[in-house]
Amino acid sequence: MFLAAVAARHADEFIVVVMDQAGRHVAGEFQVPANMRLVFLPPYSPKLSPAEHLWEVLREDWFANTVFIDLNAVENMLSDGLFALESDIERVQRLTGFKWITTTSLNAK
């Protein structure tokens, strides 16, 4: 469902989804949309994961030194952070645009 939602939201773009090899990521068959390619990282390589850099920014910019009254407040802050990152394309590109991701061979359809 997640892959389909991302593909639909970015229907005019080609998407490279970088994933670690967590059990839930490799346990079943994925329905990969036509405008998307999955790239699996080698095992035990969190420094290569673009998502880790985004989570670091979320933790530092939206969650640091914050006490939340309930889980809804946490979810709202996470949504705010994700929407802010989504609207700052240049920042996300700087955080996640590793050379091995941005090469033309990976972006070929």
PDB file of N, CA and C in Angstrom:
ATOM      1  N   MET A   1       0.822  -1.192   0.000  1.00  0.00           N
ATOM      2  CA  MET A   1       0.000   0.000   0.000  1.00  0.00           C
ATOM      3  C   MET A   1       0.867   1.258   0.000  1.00  0.00           C
ATOM      4  N   PHE A   2       1.963   1.219   0.758  1.00  0.00           N
ATOM      5  CA  PHE A   2       2.845   2.388   0.830  1.00  0.00           C
ATOM      6  C   PHE A   2       3.444   2.717  -0.533  1.00  0.00           C
ATOM      7  N   LEU A   3       3.972   1.697  -1.202  1.00  0.00           N
ATOM      8  CA  LEU A   3       4.587   1.927  -2.511  1.00  0.00           C
ATOM      9  C   LEU A   3       3.567   2.490  -3.494  1.00  0.00           C
ATOM     10  N   ALA A   4       2.361   1.955  -3.483  1.00  0.00           N
ATOM     11  CA  ALA A   4       1.316   2.443  -4.387  1.00  0.00           C
ATOM     12  C   ALA A   4       0.957   3.894  -4.073  1.00  0.00           C
ATOM     13  N   ALA A   5       0.888   4.244  -2.787  1.00  0.00           N
ATOM     14  CA  ALA A   5       0.549   5.616  -2.402  1.00  0.00           C
ATOM     15  C   ALA A   5       1.642   6.589  -2.838  1.00  0.00           C
ATOM     16  N   VAL A   6       2.902   6.215  -2.634  1.00  0.00           N
ATOM     17  CA  VAL A   6       4.006   7.088  -3.047  1.00  0.00           C
ATOM     18  C   VAL A   6       4.020   7.237  -4.562  1.00  0.00           C
ATOM     19  N   ALA A   7       3.848   6.125  -5.280  1.00  0.00           N
ATOM     20  CA  ALA A   7       3.846   6.173  -6.745  1.00  0.00           C
ATOM     21  C   ALA A   7       2.715   7.052  -7.271  1.00  0.00           C
ATOM     22  N   ALA A   8       1.550   6.962  -6.662  1.00  0.00           N
ATOM     23  CA  ALA A   8       0.415   7.777  -7.100  1.00  0.00           C
ATOM     24  C   ALA A   8       0.645   9.259  -6.806  1.00  0.00           C
ATOM     25  N   ARG A   9       1.236   9.537  -5.655  1.00  0.00           N
ATOM     26  CA  ARG A   9       1.487  10.932  -5.277  1.00  0.00           C
ATOM     27  C   ARG A   9       2.529  11.580  -6.178  1.00  0.00           C
ATOM     28  N   HIS A  10       3.431  10.778  -6.733  1.00  0.00           N
ATOM     29  CA  HIS A  10       4.498  11.274  -7.599  1.00  0.00           C
ATOM     30  C   HIS A  10       4.409  10.594  -8.968  1.00  0.00           C
ATOM     31  N   ALA A  11       3.225  10.601  -9.532  1.00  0.00           N
ATOM     32  CA  ALA A  11       2.949   9.856 -10.768  1.00  0.00           C
ATOM     33  C   ALA A  11       3.800  10.298 -11.952  1.00  0.00           C
ATOM     34  N   ASP A  12       4.233  11.539 -11.977  1.00  0.00           N
ATOM     35  CA  ASP A  12       5.018  12.048 -13.104  1.00  0.00           C
ATOM     36  C   ASP A  12       6.529  11.944 -12.880  1.00  0.00           C
ATOM     37  N   GLU A  13       6.926  11.233 -11.833  1.00  0.00           N
ATOM     38  CA  GLU A  13       8.345  11.126 -11.497  1.00  0.00           C
ATOM     39  C   GLU A  13       8.755   9.657 -11.454  1.00  0.00           C
ATOM     40  N   PHE A  14      10.053   9.406 -11.664  1.00  0.00           N
ATOM     41  CA  PHE A  14      10.597   8.064 -11.476  1.00  0.00           C
ATOM     42  C   PHE A  14      11.214   8.029 -10.083  1.00  0.00           C
ATOM     43  N   ILE A  15      10.838   7.037  -9.276  1.00  0.00           N
ATOM     44  CA  ILE A  15      11.196   6.984  -7.862  1.00  0.00           C
ATOM     45  C   ILE A  15      12.121   5.808  -7.603  1.00  0.00           C
ATOM     46  N   VAL A  16      13.213   6.078  -6.904  1.00  0.00           N
ATOM     47  CA  VAL A  16      14.102   5.021  -6.435  1.00  0.00           C
ATOM     48  C   VAL A  16      13.891   4.912  -4.928  1.00  0.00           C
ATOM     49  N   VAL A  17      13.439   3.755  -4.480  1.00  0.00           N
ATOM     50  CA  VAL A  17      13.226   3.508  -3.059  1.00  0.00           C
ATOM     51  C   VAL A  17      14.376   2.651  -2.561  1.00  0.00           C
ATOM     52  N   VAL A  18      15.150   3.208  -1.629  1.00  0.00           N
ATOM     53  CA  VAL A  18      16.289   2.494  -1.056  1.00  0.00           C
ATOM     54  C   VAL A  18      15.821   1.866   0.251  1.00  0.00           C
ATOM     55  N   MET A  19      16.036   0.555   0.363  1.00  0.00           N
ATOM     56  CA  MET A  19      15.548  -0.172   1.532  1.00  0.00           C
ATOM     57  C   MET A  19      16.660  -1.017   2.143  1.00  0.00           C
ATOM     58  N   ASP A  20      16.598  -1.145   3.467  1.00  0.00           N
ATOM     59  CA  ASP A  20      17.518  -2.075   4.094  1.00  0.00           C
ATOM     60  C   ASP A  20      16.945  -3.477   3.908  1.00  0.00           C
ATOM     61  N   GLN A  21      17.595  -4.458   4.479  1.00  0.00           N
ATOM     62  CA  GLN A  21      17.135  -5.834   4.305  1.00  0.00           C
ATOM     63  C   GLN A  21      16.452  -6.363   5.564  1.00  0.00           C
ATOM     64  N   ALA A  22      15.711  -5.487   6.228  1.00  0.00           N
ATOM     65  CA  ALA A  22      14.928  -5.917   7.379  1.00  0.00           C
ATOM     66  C   ALA A  22      13.944  -6.999   6.934  1.00  0.00           C
ATOM     67  N   GLY A  23      13.613  -7.881   7.841  1.00  0.00           N
ATOM     68  CA  GLY A  23      12.741  -9.003   7.520  1.00  0.00           C
ATOM     69  C   GLY A  23      11.451  -8.599   6.833  1.00  0.00           C
ATOM     70  N   ARG A  24      10.843  -7.519   7.281  1.00  0.00           N
ATOM     71  CA  ARG A  24       9.570  -7.079   6.675  1.00  0.00           C
ATOM     72  C   ARG A  24       9.754  -6.543   5.260  1.00  0.00           C
ATOM     73  N   HIS A  25      10.989  -6.172   4.912  1.00  0.00           N
ATOM     74  CA  HIS A  25      11.262  -5.653   3.569  1.00  0.00           C
ATOM     75  C   HIS A  25      11.559  -6.751   2.559  1.00  0.00           C
ATOM     76  N   VAL A  26      11.963  -7.906   3.014  1.00  0.00           N
ATOM     77  CA  VAL A  26      12.336  -8.974   2.083  1.00  0.00           C
ATOM     78  C   VAL A  26      11.486 -10.228   2.248  1.00  0.00           C
ATOM     79  N   ALA A  27      10.534 -10.202   3.183  1.00  0.00           N
ATOM     80  CA  ALA A  27       9.767 -11.399   3.502  1.00  0.00           C
ATOM     81  C   ALA A  27       8.723 -11.759   2.447  1.00  0.00           C
ATOM     82  N   GLY A  28       8.209 -10.791   1.726  1.00  0.00           N
ATOM     83  CA  GLY A  28       7.133 -11.083   0.792  1.00  0.00           C
ATOM     84  C   GLY A  28       7.360 -10.462  -0.566  1.00  0.00           C
ATOM     85  N   GLU A  29       6.406 -10.678  -1.411  1.00  0.00           N
ATOM     86  CA  GLU A  29       6.456 -10.106  -2.752  1.00  0.00           C
ATOM     87  C   GLU A  29       5.903  -8.685  -2.700  1.00  0.00           C
ATOM     88  N   PHE A  30       6.592  -7.773  -3.357  1.00  0.00           N
ATOM     89  CA  PHE A  30       6.134  -6.396  -3.462  1.00  0.00           C
ATOM     90  C   PHE A  30       5.501  -6.182  -4.821  1.00  0.00           C
ATOM     91  N   GLN A  31       4.444  -5.418  -4.851  1.00  0.00           N
ATOM     92  CA  GLN A  31       3.877  -4.937  -6.094  1.00  0.00           C
ATOM     93  C   GLN A  31       4.575  -3.601  -6.365  1.00  0.00           C
ATOM     94  N   VAL A  32       5.590  -3.623  -7.221  1.00  0.00           N
ATOM     95  CA  VAL A  32       6.376  -2.421  -7.500  1.00  0.00           C
ATOM     96  C   VAL A  32       5.739  -1.679  -8.671  1.00  0.00           C
ATOM     97  N   PRO A  33       5.295  -0.438  -8.425  1.00  0.00           N
ATOM     98  CA  PRO A  33       4.688   0.348  -9.502  1.00  0.00           C
ATOM     99  C   PRO A  33       5.677   0.592 -10.646  1.00  0.00           C
ATOM    100  N   ALA A  34       5.154   0.883 -11.813  1.00  0.00           N
ATOM    101  CA  ALA A  34       5.972   1.058 -13.016  1.00  0.00           C
ATOM    102  C   ALA A  34       6.936   2.236 -12.905  1.00  0.00           C
ATOM    103  N   ASN A  35       6.573   3.249 -12.136  1.00  0.00           N
ATOM    104  CA  ASN A  35       7.438   4.434 -12.015  1.00  0.00           C
ATOM    105  C   ASN A  35       8.373   4.349 -10.801  1.00  0.00           C
ATOM    106  N   MET A  36       8.655   3.117 -10.353  1.00  0.00           N
ATOM    107  CA  MET A  36       9.445   2.950  -9.152  1.00  0.00           C
ATOM    108  C   MET A  36      10.433   1.797  -9.301  1.00  0.00           C
ATOM    109  N   ARG A  37      11.581   1.956  -8.642  1.00  0.00           N
ATOM    110  CA  ARG A  37      12.574   0.877  -8.585  1.00  0.00           C
ATOM    111  C   ARG A  37      13.017   0.713  -7.143  1.00  0.00           C
ATOM    112  N   LEU A  38      13.103  -0.533  -6.675  1.00  0.00           N
ATOM    113  CA  LEU A  38      13.594  -0.819  -5.336  1.00  0.00           C
ATOM    114  C   LEU A  38      15.073  -1.165  -5.406  1.00  0.00           C
ATOM    115  N   VAL A  39      15.850  -0.596  -4.494  1.00  0.00           N
ATOM    116  CA  VAL A  39      17.269  -0.894  -4.379  1.00  0.00           C
ATOM    117  C   VAL A  39      17.504  -1.320  -2.931  1.00  0.00           C
ATOM    118  N   PHE A  40      18.045  -2.532  -2.753  1.00  0.00           N
ATOM    119  CA  PHE A  40      18.292  -3.039  -1.409  1.00  0.00           C
ATOM    120  C   PHE A  40      19.743  -2.800  -1.014  1.00  0.00           C
ATOM    121  N   LEU A  41      19.923  -2.270   0.182  1.00  0.00           N
ATOM    122  CA  LEU A  41      21.261  -2.029   0.716  1.00  0.00           C
ATOM    123  C   LEU A  41      21.893  -3.337   1.163  1.00  0.00           C
ATOM    124  N   PRO A  42      23.221  -3.375   1.206  1.00  0.00           N
ATOM    125  CA  PRO A  42      23.873  -4.555   1.781  1.00  0.00           C
ATOM    126  C   PRO A  42      23.491  -4.671   3.265  1.00  0.00           C
ATOM    127  N   PRO A  43      23.518  -5.873   3.814  1.00  0.00           N
ATOM    128  CA  PRO A  43      23.191  -6.028   5.236  1.00  0.00           C
ATOM    129  C   PRO A  43      24.132  -5.197   6.121  1.00  0.00           C
ATOM    130  N   TYR A  44      23.593  -4.725   7.229  1.00  0.00           N
ATOM    131  CA  TYR A  44      24.373  -4.026   8.247  1.00  0.00           C
ATOM    132  C   TYR A  44      25.096  -2.795   7.694  1.00  0.00           C
ATOM    133  N   SER A  45      24.371  -1.969   6.959  1.00  0.00           N
ATOM    134  CA  SER A  45      24.984  -0.773   6.380  1.00  0.00           C
ATOM    135  C   SER A  45      24.096   0.460   6.598  1.00  0.00           C
ATOM    136  N   PRO A  46      23.784   0.797   7.849  1.00  0.00           N
ATOM    137  CA  PRO A  46      22.866   1.916   8.088  1.00  0.00           C
ATOM    138  C   PRO A  46      23.383   3.259   7.585  1.00  0.00           C
ATOM    139  N   LYS A  47      24.686   3.442   7.496  1.00  0.00           N
ATOM    140  CA  LYS A  47      25.221   4.727   7.020  1.00  0.00           C
ATOM    141  C   LYS A  47      24.893   4.970   5.548  1.00  0.00           C
ATOM    142  N   LEU A  48      24.581   3.910   4.811  1.00  0.00           N
ATOM    143  CA  LEU A  48      24.228   4.058   3.397  1.00  0.00           C
ATOM    144  C   LEU A  48      22.749   4.378   3.190  1.00  0.00           C
ATOM    145  N   SER A  49      21.961   4.258   4.234  1.00  0.00           N
ATOM    146  CA  SER A  49      20.516   4.428   4.112  1.00  0.00           C
ATOM    147  C   SER A  49      20.119   5.902   4.147  1.00  0.00           C
ATOM    148  N   PRO A  50      19.540   6.406   3.063  1.00  0.00           N
ATOM    149  CA  PRO A  50      19.090   7.804   3.049  1.00  0.00           C
ATOM    150  C   PRO A  50      18.070   8.092   4.147  1.00  0.00           C
ATOM    151  N   ALA A  51      17.237   7.126   4.467  1.00  0.00           N
ATOM    152  CA  ALA A  51      16.204   7.335   5.489  1.00  0.00           C
ATOM    153  C   ALA A  51      16.822   7.644   6.845  1.00  0.00           C
ATOM    154  N   GLU A  52      17.974   7.051   7.143  1.00  0.00           N
ATOM    155  CA  GLU A  52      18.620   7.314   8.428  1.00  0.00           C
ATOM    156  C   GLU A  52      18.968   8.795   8.572  1.00  0.00           C
ATOM    157  N   HIS A  53      19.365   9.428   7.488  1.00  0.00           N
ATOM    158  CA  HIS A  53      19.706  10.845   7.533  1.00  0.00           C
ATOM    159  C   HIS A  53      18.455  11.700   7.734  1.00  0.00           C
ATOM    160  N   LEU A  54      17.349  11.278   7.145  1.00  0.00           N
ATOM    161  CA  LEU A  54      16.094  12.008   7.343  1.00  0.00           C
ATOM    162  C   LEU A  54      15.601  11.849   8.777  1.00  0.00           C
ATOM    163  N   TRP A  55      15.697  10.635   9.318  1.00  0.00           N
ATOM    164  CA  TRP A  55      15.274  10.417  10.706  1.00  0.00           C
ATOM    165  C   TRP A  55      16.122  11.240  11.669  1.00  0.00           C
ATOM    166  N   GLU A  56      17.421  11.363  11.383  1.00  0.00           N
ATOM    167  CA  GLU A  56      18.305  12.172  12.231  1.00  0.00           C
ATOM    168  C   GLU A  56      17.845  13.628  12.264  1.00  0.00           C
ATOM    169  N   VAL A  57      17.509  14.167  11.094  1.00  0.00           N
ATOM    170  CA  VAL A  57      17.019  15.551  11.019  1.00  0.00           C
ATOM    171  C   VAL A  57      15.691  15.680  11.758  1.00  0.00           C
ATOM    172  N   LEU A  58      14.791  14.728  11.568  1.00  0.00           N
ATOM    173  CA  LEU A  58      13.511  14.773  12.278  1.00  0.00           C
ATOM    174  C   LEU A  58      13.721  14.764  13.788  1.00  0.00           C
ATOM    175  N   ARG A  59      14.599  13.877  14.256  1.00  0.00           N
ATOM    176  CA  ARG A  59      14.862  13.810  15.705  1.00  0.00           C
ATOM    177  C   ARG A  59      15.437  15.126  16.221  1.00  0.00           C
ATOM    178  N   GLU A  60      16.396  15.701  15.501  1.00  0.00           N
ATOM    179  CA  GLU A  60      17.061  16.918  15.963  1.00  0.00           C
ATOM    180  C   GLU A  60      16.171  18.161  15.851  1.00  0.00           C
ATOM    181  N   ASP A  61      15.460  18.297  14.735  1.00  0.00           N
ATOM    182  CA  ASP A  61      14.711  19.526  14.475  1.00  0.00           C
ATOM    183  C   ASP A  61      13.291  19.536  15.043  1.00  0.00           C
ATOM    184  N   TRP A  62      12.678  18.385  15.215  1.00  0.00           N
ATOM    185  CA  TRP A  62      11.283  18.364  15.653  1.00  0.00           C
ATOM    186  C   TRP A  62      11.051  17.636  16.970  1.00  0.00           C
ATOM    187  N   PHE A  63      11.986  16.818  17.415  1.00  0.00           N
ATOM    188  CA  PHE A  63      11.735  16.020  18.608  1.00  0.00           C
ATOM    189  C   PHE A  63      12.692  16.287  19.767  1.00  0.00           C
ATOM    190  N   ALA A  64      13.819  16.938  19.506  1.00  0.00           N
ATOM    191  CA  ALA A  64      14.819  17.131  20.552  1.00  0.00           C
ATOM    192  C   ALA A  64      14.256  17.956  21.712  1.00  0.00           C
ATOM    193  N   ASN A  65      14.533  17.499  22.922  1.00  0.00           N
ATOM    194  CA  ASN A  65      14.150  18.212  24.147  1.00  0.00           C
ATOM    195  C   ASN A  65      12.661  18.527  24.208  1.00  0.00           C
ATOM    196  N   THR A  66      11.854  17.595  23.748  1.00  0.00           N
ATOM    197  CA  THR A  66      10.406  17.792  23.729  1.00  0.00           C
ATOM    198  C   THR A  66       9.728  16.689  24.520  1.00  0.00           C
ATOM    199  N   VAL A  67       8.787  17.080  25.350  1.00  0.00           N
ATOM    200  CA  VAL A  67       7.952  16.125  26.075  1.00  0.00           C
ATOM    201  C   VAL A  67       6.561  16.223  25.472  1.00  0.00           C
ATOM    202  N   PHE A  68       6.026  15.089  25.074  1.00  0.00           N
ATOM    203  CA  PHE A  68       4.717  15.068  24.430  1.00  0.00           C
ATOM    204  C   PHE A  68       3.656  14.604  25.415  1.00  0.00           C
ATOM    205  N   ILE A  69       2.498  15.206  25.303  1.00  0.00           N
ATOM    206  CA  ILE A  69       1.414  14.888  26.223  1.00  0.00           C
ATOM    207  C   ILE A  69       0.786  13.523  25.924  1.00  0.00           C
ATOM    208  N   ASP A  70       0.798  13.125  24.647  1.00  0.00           N
ATOM    209  CA  ASP A  70       0.228  11.828  24.272  1.00  0.00           C
ATOM    210  C   ASP A  70       0.753  11.415  22.897  1.00  0.00           C
ATOM    211  N   LEU A  71       0.373  10.230  22.460  1.00  0.00           N
ATOM    212  CA  LEU A  71       0.841   9.713  21.178  1.00  0.00           C
ATOM    213  C   LEU A  71       0.348  10.549  20.006  1.00  0.00           C
ATOM    214  N   ASN A  72      -0.831  11.124  20.118  1.00  0.00           N
ATOM    215  CA  ASN A  72      -1.335  11.999  19.050  1.00  0.00           C
ATOM    216  C   ASN A  72      -0.419  13.198  18.840  1.00  0.00           C
ATOM    217  N   ALA A  73       0.112  13.751  19.915  1.00  0.00           N
ATOM    218  CA  ALA A  73       1.029  14.880  19.805  1.00  0.00           C
ATOM    219  C   ALA A  73       2.318  14.456  19.093  1.00  0.00           C
ATOM    220  N   VAL A  74       2.784  13.241  19.360  1.00  0.00           N
ATOM    221  CA  VAL A  74       3.974  12.716  18.679  1.00  0.00           C
ATOM    222  C   VAL A  74       3.685  12.565  17.185  1.00  0.00           C
ATOM    223  N   GLU A  75       2.546  11.968  16.852  1.00  0.00           N
ATOM    224  CA  GLU A  75       2.172  11.782  15.453  1.00  0.00           C
ATOM    225  C   GLU A  75       2.019  13.119  14.734  1.00  0.00           C
ATOM    226  N   ASN A  76       1.434  14.107  15.400  1.00  0.00           N
ATOM    227  CA  ASN A  76       1.282  15.434  14.791  1.00  0.00           C
ATOM    228  C   ASN A  76       2.638  16.077  14.525  1.00  0.00           C
ATOM    229  N   MET A  77       3.573  15.939  15.467  1.00  0.00           N
ATOM    230  CA  MET A  77       4.899  16.507  15.276  1.00  0.00           C
ATOM    231  C   MET A  77       5.625  15.793  14.137  1.00  0.00           C
ATOM    232  N   LEU A  78       5.476  14.475  14.074  1.00  0.00           N
ATOM    233  CA  LEU A  78       6.089  13.716  12.980  1.00  0.00           C
ATOM    234  C   LEU A  78       5.523  14.170  11.639  1.00  0.00           C
ATOM    235  N   SER A  79       4.223  14.332  11.560  1.00  0.00           N
ATOM    236  CA  SER A  79       3.590  14.815  10.320  1.00  0.00           C
ATOM    237  C   SER A  79       4.108  16.191   9.944  1.00  0.00           C
ATOM    238  N   ASP A  80       4.216  17.084  10.918  1.00  0.00           N
ATOM    239  CA  ASP A  80       4.735  18.431  10.648  1.00  0.00           C
ATOM    240  C   ASP A  80       6.153  18.355  10.086  1.00  0.00           C
ATOM    241  N   GLY A  81       6.978  17.530  10.713  1.00  0.00           N
ATOM    242  CA  GLY A  81       8.360  17.391  10.256  1.00  0.00           C
ATOM    243  C   GLY A  81       8.450  16.811   8.859  1.00  0.00           C
ATOM    244  N   LEU A  82       7.667  15.776   8.594  1.00  0.00           N
ATOM    245  CA  LEU A  82       7.685  15.148   7.271  1.00  0.00           C
ATOM    246  C   LEU A  82       7.179  16.102   6.193  1.00  0.00           C
ATOM    247  N   PHE A  83       6.126  16.846   6.492  1.00  0.00           N
ATOM    248  CA  PHE A  83       5.618  17.821   5.514  1.00  0.00           C
ATOM    249  C   PHE A  83       6.647  18.914   5.267  1.00  0.00           C
ATOM    250  N   ALA A  84       7.344  19.350   6.309  1.00  0.00           N
ATOM    251  CA  ALA A  84       8.379  20.374   6.141  1.00  0.00           C
ATOM    252  C   ALA A  84       9.511  19.851   5.263  1.00  0.00           C
ATOM    253  N   LEU A  85       9.934  18.622   5.494  1.00  0.00           N
ATOM    254  CA  LEU A  85      10.986  18.044   4.656  1.00  0.00           C
ATOM    255  C   LEU A  85      10.508  17.870   3.219  1.00  0.00           C
ATOM    256  N   GLU A  86       9.278  17.414   3.055  1.00  0.00           N
ATOM    257  CA  GLU A  86       8.754  17.212   1.703  1.00  0.00           C
ATOM    258  C   GLU A  86       8.726  18.513   0.916  1.00  0.00           C
ATOM    259  N   SER A  87       8.486  19.619   1.588  1.00  0.00           N
ATOM    260  CA  SER A  87       8.411  20.896   0.888  1.00  0.00           C
ATOM    261  C   SER A  87       9.790  21.533   0.678  1.00  0.00           C
ATOM    262  N   ASP A  88      10.828  20.956   1.267  1.00  0.00           N
ATOM    263  CA  ASP A  88      12.186  21.474   1.112  1.00  0.00           C
ATOM    264  C   ASP A  88      13.018  20.473   0.307  1.00  0.00           C
ATOM    265  N   ILE A  89      12.731  20.412  -0.987  1.00  0.00           N
ATOM    266  CA  ILE A  89      13.341  19.421  -1.870  1.00  0.00           C
ATOM    267  C   ILE A  89      14.864  19.519  -1.866  1.00  0.00           C
ATOM    268  N   GLU A  90      15.386  20.721  -1.877  1.00  0.00           N
ATOM    269  CA  GLU A  90      16.845  20.889  -1.906  1.00  0.00           C
ATOM    270  C   GLU A  90      17.506  20.301  -0.660  1.00  0.00           C
ATOM    271  N   ARG A  91      16.891  20.489   0.483  1.00  0.00           N
ATOM    272  CA  ARG A  91      17.455  19.924   1.726  1.00  0.00           C
ATOM    273  C   ARG A  91      17.434  18.409   1.681  1.00  0.00           C
ATOM    274  N   VAL A  92      16.325  17.838   1.239  1.00  0.00           N
ATOM    275  CA  VAL A  92      16.227  16.382   1.151  1.00  0.00           C
ATOM    276  C   VAL A  92      17.255  15.843   0.164  1.00  0.00           C
ATOM    277  N   GLN A  93      17.447  16.538  -0.940  1.00  0.00           N
ATOM    278  CA  GLN A  93      18.453  16.104  -1.911  1.00  0.00           C
ATOM    279  C   GLN A  93      19.852  16.138  -1.311  1.00  0.00           C
ATOM    280  N   ARG A  94      20.159  17.171  -0.526  1.00  0.00           N
ATOM    281  CA  ARG A  94      21.475  17.244   0.126  1.00  0.00           C
ATOM    282  C   ARG A  94      21.657  16.105   1.131  1.00  0.00           C
ATOM    283  N   LEU A  95      20.593  15.770   1.844  1.00  0.00           N
ATOM    284  CA  LEU A  95      20.678  14.734   2.881  1.00  0.00           C
ATOM    285  C   LEU A  95      20.732  13.326   2.303  1.00  0.00           C
ATOM    286  N   THR A  96      20.101  13.120   1.168  1.00  0.00           N
ATOM    287  CA  THR A  96      19.922  11.746   0.666  1.00  0.00           C
ATOM    288  C   THR A  96      20.539  11.488  -0.700  1.00  0.00           C
ATOM    289  N   GLY A  97      21.053  12.509  -1.342  1.00  0.00           N
ATOM    290  CA  GLY A  97      21.532  12.368  -2.721  1.00  0.00           C
ATOM    291  C   GLY A  97      22.927  11.782  -2.825  1.00  0.00           C
ATOM    292  N   PHE A  98      23.104  10.594  -2.275  1.00  0.00           N
ATOM    293  CA  PHE A  98      24.395   9.932  -2.374  1.00  0.00           C
ATOM    294  C   PHE A  98      24.719   9.678  -3.842  1.00  0.00           C
ATOM    295  N   LYS A  99      25.984   9.720  -4.172  1.00  0.00           N
ATOM    296  CA  LYS A  99      26.403   9.560  -5.569  1.00  0.00           C
ATOM    297  C   LYS A  99      25.898   8.241  -6.162  1.00  0.00           C
ATOM    298  N   TRP A 100      25.895   7.180  -5.368  1.00  0.00           N
ATOM    299  CA  TRP A 100      25.454   5.888  -5.898  1.00  0.00           C
ATOM    300  C   TRP A 100      23.950   5.870  -6.177  1.00  0.00           C
ATOM    301  N   ILE A 101      23.208   6.804  -5.602  1.00  0.00           N
ATOM    302  CA  ILE A 101      21.768   6.903  -5.859  1.00  0.00           C
ATOM    303  C   ILE A 101      21.490   7.773  -7.088  1.00  0.00           C
ATOM    304  N   THR A 102      22.261   8.822  -7.236  1.00  0.00           N
ATOM    305  CA  THR A 102      21.955   9.825  -8.264  1.00  0.00           C
ATOM    306  C   THR A 102      22.600   9.542  -9.610  1.00  0.00           C
ATOM    307  N   THR A 103      23.311   8.437  -9.735  1.00  0.00           N
ATOM    308  CA  THR A 103      23.917   8.129 -11.016  1.00  0.00           C
ATOM    309  C   THR A 103      22.842   7.756 -12.033  1.00  0.00           C
ATOM    310  N   THR A 104      23.123   7.990 -13.290  1.00  0.00           N
ATOM    311  CA  THR A 104      22.126   7.765 -14.336  1.00  0.00           C
ATOM    312  C   THR A 104      21.759   6.297 -14.481  1.00  0.00           C
ATOM    313  N   SER A 105      22.667   5.384 -14.154  1.00  0.00           N
ATOM    314  CA  SER A 105      22.344   3.962 -14.327  1.00  0.00           C
ATOM    315  C   SER A 105      21.234   3.527 -13.388  1.00  0.00           C
ATOM    316  N   LEU A 106      21.147   4.104 -12.192  1.00  0.00           N
ATOM    317  CA  LEU A 106      20.068   3.775 -11.263  1.00  0.00           C
ATOM    318  C   LEU A 106      18.761   4.421 -11.679  1.00  0.00           C
ATOM    319  N   ASN A 107      18.834   5.562 -12.319  1.00  0.00           N
ATOM    320  CA  ASN A 107      17.621   6.296 -12.663  1.00  0.00           C
ATOM    321  C   ASN A 107      17.034   5.875 -13.996  1.00  0.00           C
ATOM    322  N   ALA A 108      17.672   4.951 -14.684  1.00  0.00           N
ATOM    323  CA  ALA A 108      17.128   4.481 -15.964  1.00  0.00           C
ATOM    324  C   ALA A 108      15.845   3.715 -15.719  1.00  0.00           C
ATOM    325  N   LYS A 109      14.888   3.948 -16.559  1.00  0.00           N
ATOM    326  CA  LYS A 109      13.588   3.262 -16.393  1.00  0.00           C
ATOM    327  C   LYS A 109      13.632   1.867 -16.961  1.00  0.00           C
TER     328      LYS A 109
END
